[in-house]
Amino acid sequence: MPLDPKKLREDARRLQKARPPTTVGKETTGTTSAIRTALPIIYDLRKEGISWPVIAQALAGQGIVQGRDRIPLTTKRLTAIVSQLEGQERKKANRAERVRHDVVQQPANRQLKLRLSPDLAGPRADTERNTQSTEENLRRSAFEKIQSLLKKEE
């Protein structure tokens, strides 16, 4: 069955307009932003030994509510939001520290010197002079190698 892309686009747009707006991922009551601002204070209170239920009750007393029903903030919801905010901060820090593994990291001030692979490089110039042999030296070394074969048995 052939698909008409133009009609699909029109139908999808019409259906989207007919749906009520969703609040997924959007702050509806402002609770998260209020807790985000109060997070340093909440941490200080926790260091002083104040429990989560007391902090949640104090926030609810100042009008921090949760959900569409706008019920006072509960301990469970407070700890969930704090945990969510901490996770967001961890992700942000990880993104900032992330290093690309497909790129070789080199110090900026380091000068790279190009050189051949050891298996492609020939002998060095200074050692080449020492290892060069005359024809006579080559003959002598070959003779010494086969000397044991040439000895006469007595």
C-alpha atoms as a PDB file:
ATOM      1  CA  MET A   1       0.000   0.000   0.000  1.00  0.00           C
ATOM      2  CA  PRO A   2       1.586   3.290  -1.032  1.00  0.00           C
ATOM      3  CA  LEU A   3       2.050   5.967   1.604  1.00  0.00           C
ATOM      4  CA  ASP A   4       1.216   9.609   0.945  1.00  0.00           C
ATOM      5  CA  PRO A   5       3.839  11.656   2.853  1.00  0.00           C
ATOM      6  CA  LYS A   6       1.956  14.924   2.421  1.00  0.00           C
ATOM      7  CA  LYS A   7      -1.263  13.512   3.892  1.00  0.00           C
ATOM      8  CA  LEU A   8       0.697  11.842   6.722  1.00  0.00           C
ATOM      9  CA  ARG A   9       2.266  15.182   7.655  1.00  0.00           C
ATOM     10  CA  GLU A  10      -1.124  16.969   7.606  1.00  0.00           C
ATOM     11  CA  ASP A  11      -2.833  14.246   9.664  1.00  0.00           C
ATOM     12  CA  ALA A  12      -0.041  14.213  12.244  1.00  0.00           C
ATOM     13  CA  ARG A  13      -0.153  17.991  12.666  1.00  0.00           C
ATOM     14  CA  ARG A  14      -3.958  17.992  12.970  1.00  0.00           C
ATOM     15  CA  LEU A  15      -3.888  15.210  15.581  1.00  0.00           C
ATOM     16  CA  GLN A  16      -1.123  16.960  17.537  1.00  0.00           C
ATOM     17  CA  LYS A  17      -3.158  20.166  17.736  1.00  0.00           C
ATOM     18  CA  ALA A  18      -6.182  18.201  18.984  1.00  0.00           C
ATOM     19  CA  ARG A  19      -4.225  16.642  21.886  1.00  0.00           C
ATOM     20  CA  PRO A  20      -4.009  18.402  25.230  1.00  0.00           C
ATOM     21  CA  PRO A  21      -0.535  19.787  25.932  1.00  0.00           C
ATOM     22  CA  THR A  22       1.655  17.363  27.850  1.00  0.00           C
ATOM     23  CA  THR A  23       3.763  18.352  30.794  1.00  0.00           C
ATOM     24  CA  VAL A  24       6.339  15.594  30.538  1.00  0.00           C
ATOM     25  CA  GLY A  25       9.739  17.082  31.206  1.00  0.00           C
ATOM     26  CA  LYS A  26       8.319  20.517  31.982  1.00  0.00           C
ATOM     27  CA  GLU A  27       7.974  22.039  35.395  1.00  0.00           C
ATOM     28  CA  THR A  28       4.316  22.515  36.240  1.00  0.00           C
ATOM     29  CA  THR A  29       4.471  23.642  39.859  1.00  0.00           C
ATOM     30  CA  GLY A  30       7.990  25.108  40.054  1.00  0.00           C
ATOM     31  CA  THR A  31       8.976  22.637  42.767  1.00  0.00           C
ATOM     32  CA  THR A  32      12.128  21.453  41.016  1.00  0.00           C
ATOM     33  CA  SER A  33      13.414  24.962  40.351  1.00  0.00           C
ATOM     34  CA  ALA A  34      12.655  25.971  43.948  1.00  0.00           C
ATOM     35  CA  ILE A  35      14.547  22.963  45.285  1.00  0.00           C
ATOM     36  CA  ARG A  36      17.401  23.601  42.833  1.00  0.00           C
ATOM     37  CA  THR A  37      17.813  27.083  44.317  1.00  0.00           C
ATOM     38  CA  ALA A  38      17.487  25.799  47.868  1.00  0.00           C
ATOM     39  CA  LEU A  39      19.852  22.859  47.350  1.00  0.00           C
ATOM     40  CA  PRO A  40      22.898  24.441  49.062  1.00  0.00           C
ATOM     41  CA  ILE A  41      20.723  25.316  52.067  1.00  0.00           C
ATOM     42  CA  ILE A  42      19.269  21.791  52.107  1.00  0.00           C
ATOM     43  CA  TYR A  43      22.806  20.355  52.139  1.00  0.00           C
ATOM     44  CA  ASP A  44      23.746  22.658  55.032  1.00  0.00           C
ATOM     45  CA  LEU A  45      20.651  21.584  56.960  1.00  0.00           C
ATOM     46  CA  ARG A  46      21.520  17.919  56.377  1.00  0.00           C
ATOM     47  CA  LYS A  47      25.061  18.560  57.701  1.00  0.00           C
ATOM     48  CA  GLU A  48      23.510  20.060  60.833  1.00  0.00           C
ATOM     49  CA  GLY A  49      21.579  16.832  61.351  1.00  0.00           C
ATOM     50  CA  ILE A  50      18.130  18.014  60.216  1.00  0.00           C
ATOM     51  CA  SER A  51      16.128  15.069  58.832  1.00  0.00           C
ATOM     52  CA  TRP A  52      14.537  14.886  55.386  1.00  0.00           C
ATOM     53  CA  PRO A  53      10.954  14.858  56.730  1.00  0.00           C
ATOM     54  CA  VAL A  54      11.569  18.077  58.678  1.00  0.00           C
ATOM     55  CA  ILE A  55      13.105  19.785  55.619  1.00  0.00           C
ATOM     56  CA  ALA A  56      10.185  18.638  53.443  1.00  0.00           C
ATOM     57  CA  GLN A  57       7.704  19.948  56.018  1.00  0.00           C
ATOM     58  CA  ALA A  58       9.525  23.303  56.189  1.00  0.00           C
ATOM     59  CA  LEU A  59       9.483  23.617  52.392  1.00  0.00           C
ATOM     60  CA  ALA A  60       5.786  22.702  52.298  1.00  0.00           C
ATOM     61  CA  GLY A  61       5.185  25.389  54.921  1.00  0.00           C
ATOM     62  CA  GLN A  62       6.650  27.929  52.496  1.00  0.00           C
ATOM     63  CA  GLY A  63       4.295  26.864  49.705  1.00  0.00           C
ATOM     64  CA  ILE A  64       6.376  24.281  47.862  1.00  0.00           C
ATOM     65  CA  VAL A  65       3.832  21.835  46.443  1.00  0.00           C
ATOM     66  CA  GLN A  66       3.892  18.802  44.211  1.00  0.00           C
ATOM     67  CA  GLY A  67       1.778  17.578  41.318  1.00  0.00           C
ATOM     68  CA  ARG A  68      -1.368  18.888  39.713  1.00  0.00           C
ATOM     69  CA  ASP A  69      -3.272  18.411  42.929  1.00  0.00           C
ATOM     70  CA  ARG A  70      -0.779  20.794  44.556  1.00  0.00           C
ATOM     71  CA  ILE A  71      -0.388  18.710  47.694  1.00  0.00           C
ATOM     72  CA  PRO A  72       2.350  19.698  50.167  1.00  0.00           C
ATOM     73  CA  LEU A  73       5.837  18.385  49.405  1.00  0.00           C
ATOM     74  CA  THR A  74       6.497  14.916  50.848  1.00  0.00           C
ATOM     75  CA  THR A  75       9.805  13.474  52.029  1.00  0.00           C
ATOM     76  CA  LYS A  76       9.833  10.896  49.281  1.00  0.00           C
ATOM     77  CA  ARG A  77       9.286  13.523  46.574  1.00  0.00           C
ATOM     78  CA  LEU A  78      11.924  15.843  48.072  1.00  0.00           C
ATOM     79  CA  THR A  79      14.589  13.125  48.121  1.00  0.00           C
ATOM     80  CA  ALA A  80      13.630  12.076  44.580  1.00  0.00           C
ATOM     81  CA  ILE A  81      14.029  15.630  43.263  1.00  0.00           C
ATOM     82  CA  VAL A  82      17.343  16.093  45.093  1.00  0.00           C
ATOM     83  CA  SER A  83      18.576  12.802  43.651  1.00  0.00           C
ATOM     84  CA  GLN A  84      17.458  13.869  40.171  1.00  0.00           C
ATOM     85  CA  LEU A  85      19.275  17.200  40.468  1.00  0.00           C
ATOM     86  CA  GLU A  86      22.456  15.486  41.670  1.00  0.00           C
ATOM     87  CA  GLY A  87      22.267  13.129  38.685  1.00  0.00           C
ATOM     88  CA  GLN A  88      21.928  16.079  36.323  1.00  0.00           C
ATOM     89  CA  GLU A  89      25.012  17.683  37.866  1.00  0.00           C
ATOM     90  CA  ARG A  90      26.986  14.436  37.514  1.00  0.00           C
ATOM     91  CA  LYS A  91      26.014  14.179  33.847  1.00  0.00           C
ATOM     92  CA  LYS A  92      27.033  17.773  33.266  1.00  0.00           C
ATOM     93  CA  ALA A  93      30.408  17.165  34.921  1.00  0.00           C
ATOM     94  CA  ASN A  94      30.942  13.973  32.914  1.00  0.00           C
ATOM     95  CA  ARG A  95      30.153  15.771  29.672  1.00  0.00           C
ATOM     96  CA  ALA A  96      32.690  18.448  30.528  1.00  0.00           C
ATOM     97  CA  GLU A  97      35.383  15.844  31.330  1.00  0.00           C
ATOM     98  CA  ARG A  98      34.622  13.586  28.387  1.00  0.00           C
ATOM     99  CA  VAL A  99      37.613  12.944  26.169  1.00  0.00           C
ATOM    100  CA  ARG A 100      37.352  11.782  22.603  1.00  0.00           C
ATOM    101  CA  HIS A 101      38.978   8.380  22.363  1.00  0.00           C
ATOM    102  CA  ASP A 102      39.233   8.416  18.584  1.00  0.00           C
ATOM    103  CA  VAL A 103      41.671  11.349  18.657  1.00  0.00           C
ATOM    104  CA  VAL A 104      45.223  11.022  19.906  1.00  0.00           C
ATOM    105  CA  GLN A 105      45.740  13.545  22.679  1.00  0.00           C
ATOM    106  CA  GLN A 106      49.101  15.333  22.509  1.00  0.00           C
ATOM    107  CA  PRO A 107      50.387  18.126  24.709  1.00  0.00           C
ATOM    108  CA  ALA A 108      50.039  21.462  22.926  1.00  0.00           C
ATOM    109  CA  ASN A 109      53.686  22.471  23.304  1.00  0.00           C
ATOM    110  CA  ARG A 110      55.200  19.167  22.215  1.00  0.00           C
ATOM    111  CA  GLN A 111      57.043  19.170  18.888  1.00  0.00           C
ATOM    112  CA  LEU A 112      56.643  15.904  17.031  1.00  0.00           C
ATOM    113  CA  LYS A 113      59.654  14.663  15.110  1.00  0.00           C
ATOM    114  CA  LEU A 114      58.890  12.400  12.202  1.00  0.00           C
ATOM    115  CA  ARG A 115      60.918   9.222  11.911  1.00  0.00           C
ATOM    116  CA  LEU A 116      60.725   5.913  10.175  1.00  0.00           C
ATOM    117  CA  SER A 117      59.512   2.785  11.835  1.00  0.00           C
ATOM    118  CA  PRO A 118      62.436   0.758  13.266  1.00  0.00           C
ATOM    119  CA  ASP A 119      61.862  -2.037  10.772  1.00  0.00           C
ATOM    120  CA  LEU A 120      62.109   0.430   7.858  1.00  0.00           C
ATOM    121  CA  ALA A 121      65.039   2.448   9.143  1.00  0.00           C
ATOM    122  CA  GLY A 122      68.497   1.439   7.973  1.00  0.00           C
ATOM    123  CA  PRO A 123      71.583   1.327  10.155  1.00  0.00           C
ATOM    124  CA  ARG A 124      72.602   4.579  11.776  1.00  0.00           C
ATOM    125  CA  ALA A 125      75.397   6.575  10.175  1.00  0.00           C
ATOM    126  CA  ASP A 126      77.787   6.299  13.163  1.00  0.00           C
ATOM    127  CA  THR A 127      77.364   2.531  13.529  1.00  0.00           C
ATOM    128  CA  GLU A 128      77.525   2.035   9.775  1.00  0.00           C
ATOM    129  CA  ARG A 129      81.180   3.038   9.658  1.00  0.00           C
ATOM    130  CA  ASN A 130      82.090   0.580  12.409  1.00  0.00           C
ATOM    131  CA  THR A 131      80.241  -2.325  10.870  1.00  0.00           C
ATOM    132  CA  GLN A 132      81.519  -1.857   7.325  1.00  0.00           C
ATOM    133  CA  SER A 133      84.009  -4.560   6.549  1.00  0.00           C
ATOM    134  CA  THR A 134      86.568  -4.866   3.923  1.00  0.00           C
ATOM    135  CA  GLU A 135      86.512  -7.742   1.518  1.00  0.00           C
ATOM    136  CA  GLU A 136      89.387  -9.352   3.405  1.00  0.00           C
ATOM    137  CA  ASN A 137      87.458  -9.197   6.731  1.00  0.00           C
ATOM    138  CA  LEU A 138      84.440 -10.824   5.106  1.00  0.00           C
ATOM    139  CA  ARG A 139      86.572 -13.658   3.760  1.00  0.00           C
ATOM    140  CA  ARG A 140      88.217 -14.237   7.145  1.00  0.00           C
ATOM    141  CA  SER A 141      84.890 -14.356   8.999  1.00  0.00           C
ATOM    142  CA  ALA A 142      83.471 -16.808   6.444  1.00  0.00           C
ATOM    143  CA  PHE A 143      86.579 -18.941   6.751  1.00  0.00           C
ATOM    144  CA  GLU A 144      86.318 -18.982  10.569  1.00  0.00           C
ATOM    145  CA  LYS A 145      82.725 -20.145  10.335  1.00  0.00           C
ATOM    146  CA  ILE A 146      83.629 -23.178   8.283  1.00  0.00           C
ATOM    147  CA  GLN A 147      86.972 -23.867  10.018  1.00  0.00           C
ATOM    148  CA  SER A 148      85.504 -26.668  12.100  1.00  0.00           C
ATOM    149  CA  LEU A 149      84.360 -28.460   8.977  1.00  0.00           C
ATOM    150  CA  LEU A 150      87.769 -28.279   7.332  1.00  0.00           C
ATOM    151  CA  LYS A 151      89.829 -29.736  10.180  1.00  0.00           C
ATOM    152  CA  LYS A 152      91.394 -33.059   9.343  1.00  0.00           C
ATOM    153  CA  GLU A 153      90.812 -35.911  11.619  1.00  0.00           C
ATOM    154  CA  GLU A 154      94.002 -37.434  12.961  1.00  0.00           C
END
